[in-house]
Amino acid sequence: QVQLVESGGGLVQAGDSLRLSCAASGPPFSRYPMGWFRQAPGKEREFVTAISRGGRSTTYTDSVKGRFTISRDNAKNTVYLQMNRLKPEDTAVYYCAADSGALLYGIRIYEYKYWGQGTQVTVSS
C-alpha cells in the first residue's frame, strides 16, 4: 500500500507562487501514475493534473494550464506541483493521489486508489 504525504501549502497573495510536494512510501513509486486534485469549500473534489509513470506525459484541467506544472522525481519518490500566478479561485485543499492501474494516467477520482491527507492552499486577493 502506498502512503502519500503532501506539504508546501500555505497562505499567499494573488499572483504569487507555491510548490507542493507529495512524498510517497511503500511499493515502488515509479509503478504509479500520479495526480493532483483539489477541493474548495462547499464544492466537489476536482481533477487538477496528472503525470505518467516516467513523467513524460502530463495533462491539466483548463483552468490551470499555463500556470501549474506537475513533475516527479522517481529517485526521490516525490511528485511536485508548481503553481504560478495563483488566483483566489485556486484556494482549496490539494490532494495528491496514486493511480491504481491506468495505462498512462487517470483524470477521474475513482481511478485513484491511494490518497494523501491534503494540504491547504489559500490565495488572498
C-alpha atoms as a PDB file:
ATOM      1  CA  GLN A   1       0.000   0.000   0.000  1.00  0.00           C
ATOM      2  CA  VAL A   2       1.229   3.458  -0.914  1.00  0.00           C
ATOM      3  CA  GLN A   3       1.362   6.182   1.726  1.00  0.00           C
ATOM      4  CA  LEU A   4       1.287   9.757   0.471  1.00  0.00           C
ATOM      5  CA  VAL A   5       2.118  12.920   2.404  1.00  0.00           C
ATOM      6  CA  GLU A   6       1.620  16.368   0.922  1.00  0.00           C
ATOM      7  CA  SER A   7       3.426  19.501   2.014  1.00  0.00           C
ATOM      8  CA  GLY A   8       4.047  23.044   0.857  1.00  0.00           C
ATOM      9  CA  GLY A   9       0.638  24.605   1.210  1.00  0.00           C
ATOM     10  CA  GLY A  10       0.096  27.997   2.758  1.00  0.00           C
ATOM     11  CA  LEU A  11      -1.397  31.459   2.543  1.00  0.00           C
ATOM     12  CA  VAL A  12      -0.240  33.599  -0.363  1.00  0.00           C
ATOM     13  CA  GLN A  13      -1.405  36.631  -2.299  1.00  0.00           C
ATOM     14  CA  ALA A  14      -2.829  36.583  -5.783  1.00  0.00           C
ATOM     15  CA  GLY A  15      -0.031  36.386  -8.330  1.00  0.00           C
ATOM     16  CA  ASP A  16       2.334  34.541  -6.003  1.00  0.00           C
ATOM     17  CA  SER A  17       3.743  31.050  -6.461  1.00  0.00           C
ATOM     18  CA  LEU A  18       3.793  27.896  -4.362  1.00  0.00           C
ATOM     19  CA  ARG A  19       5.298  24.481  -4.848  1.00  0.00           C
ATOM     20  CA  LEU A  20       3.534  21.499  -3.368  1.00  0.00           C
ATOM     21  CA  SER A  21       5.326  18.238  -2.737  1.00  0.00           C
ATOM     22  CA  CYS A  22       3.938  14.774  -2.240  1.00  0.00           C
ATOM     23  CA  ALA A  23       6.253  12.177  -0.751  1.00  0.00           C
ATOM     24  CA  ALA A  24       5.405   8.527  -1.255  1.00  0.00           C
ATOM     25  CA  SER A  25       6.413   5.432   0.652  1.00  0.00           C
ATOM     26  CA  GLY A  26       5.597   1.791   0.148  1.00  0.00           C
ATOM     27  CA  PRO A  27       5.644  -0.049  -3.197  1.00  0.00           C
ATOM     28  CA  PRO A  28       7.879   1.274  -5.981  1.00  0.00           C
ATOM     29  CA  PHE A  29       6.787   4.841  -6.692  1.00  0.00           C
ATOM     30  CA  SER A  30       7.524   4.577 -10.396  1.00  0.00           C
ATOM     31  CA  ARG A  31       4.778   1.985 -10.687  1.00  0.00           C
ATOM     32  CA  TYR A  32       2.038   4.597 -10.277  1.00  0.00           C
ATOM     33  CA  PRO A  33       0.753   7.408 -12.433  1.00  0.00           C
ATOM     34  CA  MET A  34       0.195  10.320 -10.073  1.00  0.00           C
ATOM     35  CA  GLY A  35      -2.373  13.063  -9.901  1.00  0.00           C
ATOM     36  CA  TRP A  36      -3.270  16.216  -8.020  1.00  0.00           C
ATOM     37  CA  PHE A  37      -6.846  17.044  -7.115  1.00  0.00           C
ATOM     38  CA  ARG A  38      -8.332  19.908  -5.140  1.00  0.00           C
ATOM     39  CA  GLN A  39     -11.444  20.604  -3.152  1.00  0.00           C
ATOM     40  CA  ALA A  40     -12.703  24.083  -2.413  1.00  0.00           C
ATOM     41  CA  PRO A  41     -15.138  24.781   0.439  1.00  0.00           C
ATOM     42  CA  GLY A  42     -18.633  23.655  -0.472  1.00  0.00           C
ATOM     43  CA  LYS A  43     -17.511  22.135  -3.754  1.00  0.00           C
ATOM     44  CA  GLU A  44     -16.741  18.660  -5.005  1.00  0.00           C
ATOM     45  CA  ARG A  45     -13.202  17.414  -5.344  1.00  0.00           C
ATOM     46  CA  GLU A  46     -11.900  18.124  -8.831  1.00  0.00           C
ATOM     47  CA  PHE A  47      -9.053  16.964 -11.028  1.00  0.00           C
ATOM     48  CA  VAL A  48      -6.129  19.349 -11.470  1.00  0.00           C
ATOM     49  CA  THR A  49      -3.309  17.493 -13.200  1.00  0.00           C
ATOM     50  CA  ALA A  50      -1.738  14.084 -13.712  1.00  0.00           C
ATOM     51  CA  ILE A  51       1.588  12.641 -14.777  1.00  0.00           C
ATOM     52  CA  SER A  52       2.577   9.302 -16.233  1.00  0.00           C
ATOM     53  CA  ARG A  53       4.853   6.815 -14.526  1.00  0.00           C
ATOM     54  CA  GLY A  54       8.015   8.038 -16.215  1.00  0.00           C
ATOM     55  CA  GLY A  55       6.986  11.684 -16.181  1.00  0.00           C
ATOM     56  CA  ARG A  56       6.947  12.168 -19.932  1.00  0.00           C
ATOM     57  CA  SER A  57       3.210  12.679 -20.259  1.00  0.00           C
ATOM     58  CA  THR A  58       1.100  15.177 -18.371  1.00  0.00           C
ATOM     59  CA  THR A  59      -2.380  16.617 -18.559  1.00  0.00           C
ATOM     60  CA  TYR A  60      -4.052  19.604 -16.914  1.00  0.00           C
ATOM     61  CA  THR A  61      -7.508  20.917 -16.329  1.00  0.00           C
ATOM     62  CA  ASP A  62      -8.133  24.014 -18.432  1.00  0.00           C
ATOM     63  CA  SER A  63      -8.231  26.451 -15.536  1.00  0.00           C
ATOM     64  CA  VAL A  64      -4.601  25.792 -14.570  1.00  0.00           C
ATOM     65  CA  LYS A  65      -2.981  25.315 -17.964  1.00  0.00           C
ATOM     66  CA  GLY A  66      -0.011  27.602 -18.387  1.00  0.00           C
ATOM     67  CA  ARG A  67       0.157  28.332 -14.650  1.00  0.00           C
ATOM     68  CA  PHE A  68       0.653  24.945 -12.960  1.00  0.00           C
ATOM     69  CA  THR A  69       3.306  22.338 -13.701  1.00  0.00           C
ATOM     70  CA  ILE A  70       3.358  18.777 -12.428  1.00  0.00           C
ATOM     71  CA  SER A  71       6.619  16.871 -12.232  1.00  0.00           C
ATOM     72  CA  ARG A  72       8.027  13.852 -10.475  1.00  0.00           C
ATOM     73  CA  ASP A  73      11.338  12.556  -9.239  1.00  0.00           C
ATOM     74  CA  ASN A  74      11.121   8.786  -9.061  1.00  0.00           C
ATOM     75  CA  ALA A  75      14.506   8.563  -7.353  1.00  0.00           C
ATOM     76  CA  LYS A  76      13.096  10.668  -4.506  1.00  0.00           C
ATOM     77  CA  ASN A  77       9.626   9.094  -4.564  1.00  0.00           C
ATOM     78  CA  THR A  78       8.133  12.549  -4.871  1.00  0.00           C
ATOM     79  CA  VAL A  79       5.685  14.332  -7.120  1.00  0.00           C
ATOM     80  CA  TYR A  80       5.532  18.107  -7.284  1.00  0.00           C
ATOM     81  CA  LEU A  81       3.007  20.739  -8.244  1.00  0.00           C
ATOM     82  CA  GLN A  82       4.482  24.099  -9.134  1.00  0.00           C
ATOM     83  CA  MET A  83       1.744  26.717  -9.012  1.00  0.00           C
ATOM     84  CA  ASN A  84       2.423  30.140 -10.510  1.00  0.00           C
ATOM     85  CA  ARG A  85       0.253  33.231 -10.889  1.00  0.00           C
ATOM     86  CA  LEU A  86      -2.098  31.953  -8.253  1.00  0.00           C
ATOM     87  CA  LYS A  87      -5.660  33.244  -8.165  1.00  0.00           C
ATOM     88  CA  PRO A  88      -8.185  33.398  -5.314  1.00  0.00           C
ATOM     89  CA  GLU A  89     -10.205  30.722  -7.102  1.00  0.00           C
ATOM     90  CA  ASP A  90      -7.256  28.343  -6.650  1.00  0.00           C
ATOM     91  CA  THR A  91      -7.994  28.309  -2.920  1.00  0.00           C
ATOM     92  CA  ALA A  92      -8.638  24.711  -1.893  1.00  0.00           C
ATOM     93  CA  VAL A  93      -7.266  21.688  -0.138  1.00  0.00           C
ATOM     94  CA  TYR A  94      -4.899  19.997  -2.555  1.00  0.00           C
ATOM     95  CA  TYR A  95      -4.568  16.221  -2.579  1.00  0.00           C
ATOM     96  CA  CYS A  96      -2.076  14.007  -4.342  1.00  0.00           C
ATOM     97  CA  ALA A  97      -3.145  10.557  -5.383  1.00  0.00           C
ATOM     98  CA  ALA A  98      -1.697   7.406  -6.896  1.00  0.00           C
ATOM     99  CA  ASP A  99      -3.497   5.808  -9.814  1.00  0.00           C
ATOM    100  CA  SER A 100      -4.172   2.120  -9.378  1.00  0.00           C
ATOM    101  CA  GLY A 101      -3.979   0.916 -12.924  1.00  0.00           C
ATOM    102  CA  ALA A 102      -4.213   3.382 -15.782  1.00  0.00           C
ATOM    103  CA  LEU A 103      -2.083   2.740 -18.811  1.00  0.00           C
ATOM    104  CA  LEU A 104      -0.991   6.379 -18.870  1.00  0.00           C
ATOM    105  CA  TYR A 105      -2.862   8.318 -16.153  1.00  0.00           C
ATOM    106  CA  GLY A 106      -6.395   8.907 -14.984  1.00  0.00           C
ATOM    107  CA  ILE A 107      -8.400  12.094 -14.619  1.00  0.00           C
ATOM    108  CA  ARG A 108     -11.286  10.765 -12.536  1.00  0.00           C
ATOM    109  CA  ILE A 109     -11.382  10.362  -8.796  1.00  0.00           C
ATOM    110  CA  TYR A 110     -12.398   6.718  -8.931  1.00  0.00           C
ATOM    111  CA  GLU A 111      -9.274   5.844 -10.894  1.00  0.00           C
ATOM    112  CA  TYR A 112      -7.069   6.745  -7.948  1.00  0.00           C
ATOM    113  CA  LYS A 113      -6.649   4.217  -5.189  1.00  0.00           C
ATOM    114  CA  TYR A 114      -4.314   5.941  -2.756  1.00  0.00           C
ATOM    115  CA  TRP A 115      -4.697   9.475  -1.395  1.00  0.00           C
ATOM    116  CA  GLY A 116      -2.764  11.843   0.800  1.00  0.00           C
ATOM    117  CA  GLN A 117      -4.292  13.807   3.646  1.00  0.00           C
ATOM    118  CA  GLY A 118      -4.276  17.094   1.750  1.00  0.00           C
ATOM    119  CA  THR A 119      -2.599  20.452   2.158  1.00  0.00           C
ATOM    120  CA  GLN A 120      -4.400  23.786   2.328  1.00  0.00           C
ATOM    121  CA  VAL A 121      -3.685  26.472  -0.237  1.00  0.00           C
ATOM    122  CA  THR A 122      -5.254  29.868   0.376  1.00  0.00           C
ATOM    123  CA  VAL A 123      -4.876  32.699  -2.095  1.00  0.00           C
ATOM    124  CA  SER A 124      -5.923  36.146  -0.957  1.00  0.00           C
ATOM    125  CA  SER A 125      -6.941  38.875  -3.366  1.00  0.00           C
END
